[in-house]
N, C-alpha and C. Protein backbone atom coordinates (compact mmCIF):
# COMPACT_ATOMS: atom_id res chain seq x y z
N MET A 1 46.83 22.36 33.46
CA MET A 1 45.39 22.75 32.62
C MET A 1 45.94 22.50 31.15
N LYS A 2 46.13 21.87 30.15
CA LYS A 2 46.41 22.58 29.23
C LYS A 2 45.41 23.92 28.13
N LYS A 3 46.23 24.91 27.75
CA LYS A 3 45.70 25.69 27.17
C LYS A 3 45.17 25.16 25.39
N PHE A 4 43.43 25.96 25.48
CA PHE A 4 43.40 26.05 23.94
C PHE A 4 44.05 26.22 23.09
N THR A 5 44.12 25.52 21.75
CA THR A 5 44.95 25.97 21.06
C THR A 5 43.93 25.53 19.22
N TRP A 6 44.53 25.99 18.34
CA TRP A 6 44.26 25.75 16.89
C TRP A 6 43.86 24.94 16.64
N GLY A 7 44.66 23.68 17.29
CA GLY A 7 44.36 22.37 16.72
C GLY A 7 43.27 22.15 17.47
N HIS A 8 42.98 22.40 18.74
CA HIS A 8 41.54 22.05 19.28
C HIS A 8 40.69 22.49 19.08
N GLY A 9 40.39 24.16 18.07
CA GLY A 9 39.50 24.21 17.63
C GLY A 9 39.41 23.61 16.34
N ILE A 10 40.49 23.00 15.65
CA ILE A 10 40.23 22.58 14.27
C ILE A 10 39.54 21.13 14.19
N ALA A 11 39.83 20.08 15.38
CA ALA A 11 39.22 19.43 16.05
C ALA A 11 38.18 19.62 16.30
N ILE A 12 37.36 20.44 17.33
CA ILE A 12 35.82 20.86 17.55
C ILE A 12 35.14 20.83 15.84
N ALA A 13 35.78 21.96 15.60
CA ALA A 13 34.67 22.43 14.09
C ALA A 13 34.53 21.05 13.27
N LEU A 14 35.16 20.23 13.59
CA LEU A 14 35.15 19.13 12.21
C LEU A 14 34.28 18.16 12.55
N GLY A 15 34.45 18.35 14.80
CA GLY A 15 33.89 16.90 15.12
C GLY A 15 32.32 17.53 14.95
N LEU A 16 31.31 19.02 14.97
CA LEU A 16 30.18 19.45 14.81
C LEU A 16 29.96 19.16 13.65
N PHE A 17 31.59 19.85 13.02
CA PHE A 17 30.35 19.86 10.47
C PHE A 17 30.49 18.38 10.64
N ILE A 18 30.50 17.26 11.16
CA ILE A 18 30.20 15.68 10.87
C ILE A 18 28.89 15.37 11.52
N CYS A 19 28.55 16.23 12.79
CA CYS A 19 27.69 15.95 13.55
C CYS A 19 26.39 15.96 12.61
N PHE A 20 26.61 17.43 12.44
CA PHE A 20 25.53 18.26 11.49
C PHE A 20 25.00 17.55 10.61
N ILE A 21 26.28 17.28 9.17
CA ILE A 21 25.89 16.20 8.04
C ILE A 21 25.10 15.29 8.57
N LEU A 22 25.54 14.38 9.29
CA LEU A 22 24.91 12.92 9.56
C LEU A 22 23.61 13.40 10.45
N PHE A 23 24.19 14.93 10.94
CA PHE A 23 21.88 15.21 11.33
C PHE A 23 20.91 15.15 10.16
N LEU A 24 21.85 16.11 8.78
CA LEU A 24 20.81 16.22 8.17
C LEU A 24 20.38 15.43 7.12
N ILE A 25 21.67 14.17 7.70
CA ILE A 25 21.11 12.78 6.33
C ILE A 25 20.16 11.95 7.17
N PHE A 26 20.41 12.28 8.29
CA PHE A 26 19.04 11.63 8.82
C PHE A 26 17.67 12.28 9.21
N PHE A 27 17.50 13.41 9.07
CA PHE A 27 16.36 14.60 9.02
C PHE A 27 15.63 14.37 7.45
N TYR A 28 16.84 14.39 6.43
CA TYR A 28 16.02 14.70 5.47
C TYR A 28 15.30 13.24 4.83
N ALA A 29 15.94 11.80 5.16
CA ALA A 29 15.74 10.79 4.90
C ALA A 29 14.74 10.96 5.62
N LYS A 30 14.30 11.25 6.54
CA LYS A 30 13.00 10.46 7.03
C LYS A 30 11.40 11.40 6.68
N LEU A 31 12.37 13.16 5.76
CA LEU A 31 11.57 13.55 5.26
C LEU A 31 10.79 13.09 3.97
N ALA A 32 12.23 12.16 3.61
CA ALA A 32 11.95 12.01 1.94
C ALA A 32 10.76 11.02 2.25
N PHE A 33 11.22 10.11 3.08
CA PHE A 33 10.62 8.48 3.15
C PHE A 33 9.72 7.76 5.16
N PRO A 34 9.18 8.63 4.24
CA PRO A 34 8.21 9.05 5.77
C PRO A 34 7.25 7.10 6.74
N ASN A 35 7.38 6.57 6.00
CA ASN A 35 6.97 5.11 6.01
C ASN A 35 8.31 4.37 6.27
N GLY A 36 9.15 4.53 5.74
CA GLY A 36 10.48 3.90 6.04
C GLY A 36 10.11 2.68 5.23
N ASN A 37 9.84 1.19 6.54
CA ASN A 37 10.01 0.05 5.73
C ASN A 37 8.84 -0.06 5.24
N ASP A 38 8.06 0.53 5.91
CA ASP A 38 6.19 0.09 5.87
C ASP A 38 5.72 -0.36 4.51
N ASN A 39 4.85 -1.39 4.40
CA ASN A 39 4.15 -1.88 3.07
C ASN A 39 5.13 -1.68 2.38
N SER A 40 6.51 -2.21 2.19
CA SER A 40 8.10 -2.38 1.29
C SER A 40 7.58 -4.26 0.87
N GLU A 41 6.59 -4.85 0.37
CA GLU A 41 6.73 -6.10 -0.26
C GLU A 41 7.67 -6.46 -1.10
N LEU A 42 7.62 -7.30 -1.53
CA LEU A 42 8.12 -7.99 -3.00
C LEU A 42 6.49 -8.22 -3.29
N VAL A 43 6.60 -7.92 -4.88
CA VAL A 43 5.62 -8.25 -5.26
C VAL A 43 4.67 -9.41 -5.54
N SER A 44 5.35 -11.20 -5.03
CA SER A 44 5.17 -12.08 -5.42
C SER A 44 5.95 -13.22 -3.85
N ASP A 45 5.52 -14.11 -2.77
CA ASP A 45 6.15 -14.65 -2.03
C ASP A 45 7.08 -15.51 -2.95
N ASN A 46 6.46 -16.19 -4.47
CA ASN A 46 7.47 -16.92 -4.79
C ASN A 46 8.37 -16.64 -5.44
N TYR A 47 8.89 -15.54 -5.60
CA TYR A 47 9.81 -14.94 -6.21
C TYR A 47 10.71 -15.38 -7.43
N TYR A 48 11.48 -16.66 -6.73
CA TYR A 48 12.29 -17.06 -8.20
C TYR A 48 11.32 -17.92 -9.00
N SER A 49 10.60 -18.48 -8.58
CA SER A 49 9.53 -20.15 -8.88
C SER A 49 8.75 -18.61 -10.40
N ASP A 50 8.13 -17.82 -9.91
CA ASP A 50 7.96 -16.78 -10.65
C ASP A 50 8.67 -16.03 -11.99
N GLU A 51 10.00 -16.06 -11.36
CA GLU A 51 10.78 -15.60 -12.43
C GLU A 51 10.89 -17.03 -13.69
N LEU A 52 11.33 -18.05 -12.98
CA LEU A 52 11.52 -19.21 -14.44
C LEU A 52 10.44 -19.37 -15.18
N ASN A 53 8.87 -18.95 -14.73
CA ASN A 53 7.59 -18.52 -15.64
C ASN A 53 7.70 -17.48 -16.36
N TYR A 54 8.42 -16.83 -15.99
CA TYR A 54 8.47 -15.22 -17.09
C TYR A 54 8.33 -15.28 -18.13
N GLN A 55 9.20 -16.13 -19.20
CA GLN A 55 9.35 -16.22 -20.44
C GLN A 55 8.02 -16.05 -21.15
N LYS A 56 7.24 -16.80 -20.27
CA LYS A 56 5.33 -16.69 -20.89
C LYS A 56 5.10 -15.72 -20.95
N VAL A 57 5.25 -14.42 -19.67
CA VAL A 57 4.40 -13.66 -19.60
C VAL A 57 5.40 -12.71 -20.57
N ILE A 58 6.95 -12.48 -21.36
CA ILE A 58 7.51 -11.55 -22.23
C ILE A 58 6.64 -12.30 -23.54
N ASP A 59 6.99 -13.41 -23.55
CA ASP A 59 5.54 -14.23 -24.84
C ASP A 59 4.53 -13.26 -25.41
N ALA A 60 3.50 -14.02 -24.17
CA ALA A 60 2.85 -12.85 -24.10
C ALA A 60 2.64 -11.49 -24.59
N LYS A 61 3.04 -10.47 -23.56
CA LYS A 61 3.09 -9.23 -24.46
C LYS A 61 3.99 -9.10 -25.67
N LYS A 62 4.67 -9.60 -26.14
CA LYS A 62 5.03 -9.75 -27.43
C LYS A 62 4.10 -9.62 -28.36
N ASN A 63 3.11 -11.16 -28.26
CA ASN A 63 2.21 -11.04 -29.35
C ASN A 63 1.14 -10.24 -29.11
N ALA A 64 1.13 -9.04 -27.77
CA ALA A 64 0.42 -8.40 -27.87
C ALA A 64 1.14 -6.50 -28.82
N GLU A 65 2.02 -6.31 -28.10
CA GLU A 65 2.51 -5.60 -29.18
C GLU A 65 2.17 -5.68 -30.67
N GLU A 66 2.29 -6.48 -30.87
CA GLU A 66 2.02 -7.08 -32.84
C GLU A 66 0.80 -7.07 -32.74
N LEU A 67 -0.09 -6.98 -31.93
CA LEU A 67 -1.64 -6.57 -32.78
C LEU A 67 -2.14 -5.30 -32.98
N SER A 68 -2.86 -5.88 -34.29
CA SER A 68 -2.86 -3.83 -34.46
C SER A 68 -3.92 -3.04 -33.49
N LYS A 69 -4.89 -4.21 -33.24
CA LYS A 69 -5.69 -3.08 -32.32
C LYS A 69 -5.79 -3.89 -30.52
N LYS A 70 -5.44 -2.93 -29.64
CA LYS A 70 -5.28 -3.36 -28.05
C LYS A 70 -6.30 -3.07 -27.47
N PRO A 71 -6.20 -4.13 -26.49
CA PRO A 71 -7.38 -3.54 -25.41
C PRO A 71 -7.20 -2.26 -24.80
N PHE A 72 -8.44 -1.00 -24.40
CA PHE A 72 -8.08 0.04 -24.10
C PHE A 72 -8.51 0.00 -22.70
N PHE A 73 -8.59 0.66 -21.64
CA PHE A 73 -9.42 1.02 -20.84
C PHE A 73 -9.66 2.19 -19.93
N ALA A 74 -10.71 3.05 -19.84
CA ALA A 74 -11.36 3.85 -19.00
C ALA A 74 -11.67 4.37 -17.88
N GLN A 75 -11.44 5.32 -17.22
CA GLN A 75 -11.80 5.44 -15.56
C GLN A 75 -13.08 6.29 -15.65
N LEU A 76 -13.78 5.32 -15.03
CA LEU A 76 -15.31 6.41 -14.90
C LEU A 76 -16.08 6.40 -13.41
N PRO A 77 -16.86 6.83 -13.42
CA PRO A 77 -17.17 7.09 -11.88
C PRO A 77 -17.55 5.74 -11.19
N TYR A 78 -18.07 4.69 -11.92
CA TYR A 78 -18.26 3.09 -11.49
C TYR A 78 -17.54 2.60 -11.45
N GLY A 79 -16.02 2.85 -11.60
CA GLY A 79 -15.09 2.29 -12.17
C GLY A 79 -14.14 1.91 -13.33
N ILE A 80 -13.21 0.92 -12.89
CA ILE A 80 -12.37 0.34 -14.30
C ILE A 80 -13.14 0.01 -15.65
N ARG A 81 -13.49 0.34 -16.89
CA ARG A 81 -13.66 -0.64 -17.53
C ARG A 81 -12.76 -0.58 -18.72
N ILE A 82 -12.57 -2.00 -19.10
CA ILE A 82 -11.67 -2.51 -19.88
C ILE A 82 -12.32 -2.82 -21.39
N ALA A 83 -12.11 -2.35 -22.15
CA ALA A 83 -12.68 -3.02 -23.82
C ALA A 83 -11.89 -3.61 -24.88
N PHE A 84 -12.33 -4.50 -25.12
CA PHE A 84 -12.03 -5.37 -26.50
C PHE A 84 -12.27 -4.74 -27.66
N PRO A 85 -11.22 -4.55 -28.66
CA PRO A 85 -11.73 -5.03 -30.07
C PRO A 85 -11.84 -6.14 -30.39
N LYS A 86 -13.14 -6.24 -31.72
CA LYS A 86 -13.64 -7.82 -31.32
C LYS A 86 -12.54 -8.82 -32.20
N GLU A 87 -11.33 -8.14 -33.00
CA GLU A 87 -10.50 -9.00 -33.95
C GLU A 87 -9.62 -9.48 -32.84
N ILE A 88 -9.18 -9.25 -31.79
CA ILE A 88 -8.29 -10.01 -31.06
C ILE A 88 -8.80 -10.73 -29.59
N ILE A 89 -9.86 -11.38 -29.74
CA ILE A 89 -10.34 -11.37 -28.97
C ILE A 89 -11.91 -12.26 -28.94
N ASP A 90 -12.06 -13.58 -28.37
CA ASP A 90 -13.54 -14.20 -29.01
C ASP A 90 -14.29 -14.03 -28.34
N ALA A 91 -15.76 -14.40 -28.75
CA ALA A 91 -16.58 -13.95 -27.86
C ALA A 91 -17.25 -14.87 -26.76
N ASN A 92 -17.55 -14.35 -25.74
CA ASN A 92 -17.31 -14.90 -24.16
C ASN A 92 -16.35 -15.60 -24.05
N ALA A 93 -15.06 -14.58 -24.49
CA ALA A 93 -14.04 -15.43 -24.11
C ALA A 93 -13.63 -15.07 -22.46
N GLN A 94 -12.63 -15.87 -21.59
CA GLN A 94 -12.28 -15.69 -20.07
C GLN A 94 -10.78 -14.94 -20.23
N VAL A 95 -11.06 -13.70 -19.17
CA VAL A 95 -9.70 -12.52 -18.75
C VAL A 95 -9.68 -12.58 -17.64
N HIS A 96 -8.31 -12.70 -17.45
CA HIS A 96 -7.33 -12.62 -15.91
C HIS A 96 -6.91 -11.67 -15.82
N TYR A 97 -7.09 -10.68 -14.70
CA TYR A 97 -7.12 -9.94 -14.60
C TYR A 97 -6.00 -9.91 -13.14
N GLU A 98 -4.88 -8.91 -12.89
CA GLU A 98 -4.15 -8.81 -11.98
C GLU A 98 -4.13 -7.51 -11.97
N LEU A 99 -4.87 -6.79 -10.19
CA LEU A 99 -5.00 -5.28 -10.37
C LEU A 99 -3.67 -4.75 -9.11
N TYR A 100 -2.81 -4.20 -9.05
CA TYR A 100 -1.22 -4.19 -8.18
C TYR A 100 -1.37 -3.39 -7.76
N ASN A 101 -2.07 -2.59 -6.14
CA ASN A 101 -1.61 -1.46 -5.35
C ASN A 101 -0.04 -0.94 -4.87
N THR A 102 0.41 -0.15 -5.80
CA THR A 102 1.91 -0.32 -5.76
C THR A 102 2.28 0.29 -4.03
N ASN A 103 1.06 0.13 -3.26
CA ASN A 103 1.71 0.96 -2.26
C ASN A 103 1.04 -0.44 -0.81
N ASP A 104 0.23 -1.29 -1.18
CA ASP A 104 0.19 -1.60 0.27
C ASP A 104 -0.48 -2.74 -0.83
N LYS A 105 0.37 -4.57 -0.03
CA LYS A 105 -0.35 -6.08 -1.24
C LYS A 105 -1.68 -6.31 -0.41
N TYR A 106 -2.31 -5.86 0.69
CA TYR A 106 -3.00 -5.84 0.72
C TYR A 106 -4.63 -5.94 0.01
N LYS A 107 -4.30 -4.55 -1.17
CA LYS A 107 -4.93 -3.96 -1.91
C LYS A 107 -5.01 -4.75 -3.65
N ASP A 108 -4.29 -5.91 -3.43
CA ASP A 108 -4.32 -6.27 -4.99
C ASP A 108 -5.35 -7.26 -5.55
N LYS A 109 -5.91 -7.06 -6.26
CA LYS A 109 -6.77 -8.36 -7.07
C LYS A 109 -6.18 -9.03 -7.75
N LYS A 110 -6.69 -10.14 -7.78
CA LYS A 110 -6.70 -11.02 -9.38
C LYS A 110 -7.95 -11.78 -9.15
N GLU A 111 -8.40 -11.72 -10.55
CA GLU A 111 -9.39 -12.41 -10.78
C GLU A 111 -9.62 -12.81 -12.11
N ASN A 112 -10.26 -14.14 -12.32
CA ASN A 112 -10.54 -14.79 -14.00
C ASN A 112 -12.45 -14.26 -14.20
N ILE A 113 -12.21 -13.79 -15.11
CA ILE A 113 -13.39 -12.85 -15.35
C ILE A 113 -14.12 -12.83 -16.88
N GLN A 114 -15.11 -13.25 -17.64
CA GLN A 114 -16.06 -13.58 -18.16
C GLN A 114 -16.50 -11.94 -18.81
N ILE A 115 -15.96 -11.73 -20.29
CA ILE A 115 -16.28 -10.10 -20.46
C ILE A 115 -17.83 -10.11 -21.45
N ASP A 116 -18.06 -9.51 -21.51
CA ASP A 116 -19.68 -9.46 -21.60
C ASP A 116 -19.53 -9.24 -23.11
N ALA A 117 -21.00 -9.17 -23.49
CA ALA A 117 -21.47 -9.12 -24.78
C ALA A 117 -21.00 -7.90 -26.17
N ASN A 118 -20.53 -6.82 -25.24
CA ASN A 118 -19.57 -5.83 -25.51
C ASN A 118 -17.79 -6.06 -26.13
N ASN A 119 -18.03 -7.14 -25.04
CA ASN A 119 -16.37 -7.49 -25.23
C ASN A 119 -15.38 -6.54 -24.10
N THR A 120 -16.27 -6.04 -23.42
CA THR A 120 -15.95 -5.70 -21.52
C THR A 120 -16.33 -6.12 -20.98
N PHE A 121 -15.10 -5.46 -19.97
CA PHE A 121 -15.20 -5.77 -18.11
C PHE A 121 -15.22 -4.97 -17.46
N LEU A 122 -15.48 -4.85 -15.97
CA LEU A 122 -15.68 -3.88 -15.08
C LEU A 122 -15.52 -4.09 -13.93
N ILE A 123 -14.30 -3.64 -13.67
CA ILE A 123 -13.22 -3.33 -12.29
C ILE A 123 -14.21 -2.27 -10.89
N PRO A 124 -15.15 -2.75 -10.92
CA PRO A 124 -16.07 -1.92 -9.72
C PRO A 124 -15.33 -1.00 -8.64
N LYS A 125 -15.97 0.24 -8.68
CA LYS A 125 -15.22 1.02 -8.19
C LYS A 125 -15.35 1.13 -6.18
N GLU A 126 -15.97 -0.20 -5.49
CA GLU A 126 -15.57 -0.85 -4.84
C GLU A 126 -14.60 -1.26 -4.07
N GLN A 127 -14.15 -1.97 -5.48
CA GLN A 127 -12.39 -2.94 -5.07
C GLN A 127 -11.48 -1.92 -5.30
N LEU A 128 -11.77 -0.67 -5.69
CA LEU A 128 -10.88 0.65 -5.41
C LEU A 128 -10.26 1.51 -4.62
N SER A 129 -9.72 1.60 -4.18
CA SER A 129 -9.10 2.54 -3.16
C SER A 129 -8.02 4.40 -3.77
N THR A 130 -8.09 4.97 -3.14
CA THR A 130 -7.17 5.81 -3.98
C THR A 130 -5.84 5.38 -4.29
N GLY A 131 -4.78 5.69 -5.06
CA GLY A 131 -3.54 5.50 -4.71
C GLY A 131 -3.31 4.84 -6.69
N SER A 132 -1.96 4.53 -6.43
CA SER A 132 -1.68 4.18 -7.94
C SER A 132 -1.74 2.44 -7.81
N TYR A 133 -1.78 1.98 -9.33
CA TYR A 133 -2.31 0.49 -9.50
C TYR A 133 -1.30 0.65 -10.60
N THR A 134 -1.04 -1.26 -10.96
CA THR A 134 -0.77 -1.00 -11.80
C THR A 134 -1.61 -2.54 -12.49
N LEU A 135 -2.65 -2.46 -13.24
CA LEU A 135 -3.06 -3.42 -14.04
C LEU A 135 -2.30 -4.42 -15.16
N LYS A 136 -2.33 -5.48 -14.90
CA LYS A 136 -2.20 -6.89 -15.54
C LYS A 136 -3.48 -7.17 -16.11
N VAL A 137 -4.01 -7.53 -17.79
CA VAL A 137 -4.43 -7.98 -18.05
C VAL A 137 -4.49 -8.87 -19.58
N SER A 138 -4.50 -10.27 -18.78
CA SER A 138 -4.13 -11.29 -20.09
C SER A 138 -5.78 -12.18 -20.49
N TRP A 139 -5.26 -12.72 -21.89
CA TRP A 139 -6.27 -13.52 -22.46
C TRP A 139 -5.67 -14.18 -23.75
N LYS A 140 -6.94 -15.40 -23.72
CA LYS A 140 -5.95 -15.98 -25.05
C LYS A 140 -6.83 -16.47 -26.22
N LYS A 141 -6.28 -16.24 -27.18
CA LYS A 141 -7.00 -16.42 -27.92
C LYS A 141 -6.27 -17.57 -29.58
N SER A 142 -7.24 -18.55 -29.89
CA SER A 142 -5.96 -19.69 -31.08
C SER A 142 -5.11 -20.28 -30.14
N ASP A 143 -5.23 -20.82 -29.30
CA ASP A 143 -4.10 -20.85 -28.06
C ASP A 143 -2.61 -20.60 -28.31
N LYS A 144 -2.56 -19.24 -27.98
CA LYS A 144 -2.15 -17.68 -28.36
C LYS A 144 -2.00 -17.00 -27.22
N ASP A 145 -1.28 -16.75 -26.23
CA ASP A 145 -1.72 -15.97 -24.96
C ASP A 145 -1.16 -14.15 -25.39
N TYR A 146 -1.75 -13.51 -24.61
CA TYR A 146 -2.10 -12.21 -25.01
C TYR A 146 -1.46 -11.62 -23.55
N GLN A 147 -0.82 -10.63 -23.05
CA GLN A 147 -1.42 -9.40 -22.09
C GLN A 147 -0.69 -8.09 -22.51
N VAL A 148 -1.13 -7.24 -21.44
CA VAL A 148 -0.99 -5.72 -21.91
C VAL A 148 -0.92 -5.58 -20.07
N ASP A 149 -0.35 -4.44 -19.70
CA ASP A 149 -0.14 -3.42 -18.52
C ASP A 149 -0.19 -2.23 -18.44
N TYR A 150 -1.05 -1.90 -17.87
CA TYR A 150 -0.93 0.14 -17.77
C TYR A 150 -1.13 0.03 -16.09
N ASP A 151 -0.95 1.62 -16.11
CA ASP A 151 -0.82 2.02 -14.78
C ASP A 151 -1.58 3.55 -14.83
N ILE A 152 -2.00 2.65 -13.62
CA ILE A 152 -2.98 4.02 -13.28
C ILE A 152 -3.20 4.46 -12.24
N ILE A 153 -3.81 5.64 -12.09
CA ILE A 153 -3.94 7.17 -10.69
C ILE A 153 -5.35 6.50 -10.68
N TRP A 154 -6.08 6.13 -9.42
CA TRP A 154 -7.36 5.72 -9.23
C TRP A 154 -7.49 7.25 -7.91
N LYS A 155 -8.08 7.98 -8.51
CA LYS A 155 -8.26 9.59 -7.39
C LYS A 155 -9.62 9.13 -6.84
């Protein structure tokens, strides 16, 4: 039988140290990312075709940046109200909004909606659940496209 030497001790210590480090990596990875890959989807299933059309979105955002007044939103007890200044939108215009839930694609909403006489529209609280959202609002005036994006935390 061989004697236990300092070389064996170093090998055992190094092996235990490696096991300890691996344990910490997997343990803290589970703490930091408890859901793992749950609900981690792409925003779109047609990612490549959407990417080819993205120049239109860039132009619409640039057009909106050049406006002196921009639409604004307010979180109210009964939902999210988006208001447009009269100078940037036609009366009774059609507005498209996309409300992306950052945690669950099944809670996403996309809708074309008619603005009311006050140049506003409402996303009712029944369509919202607690969490983080990205709201994309797009509209057209004089054959020119516009789009603004907002990050919203609904409580």
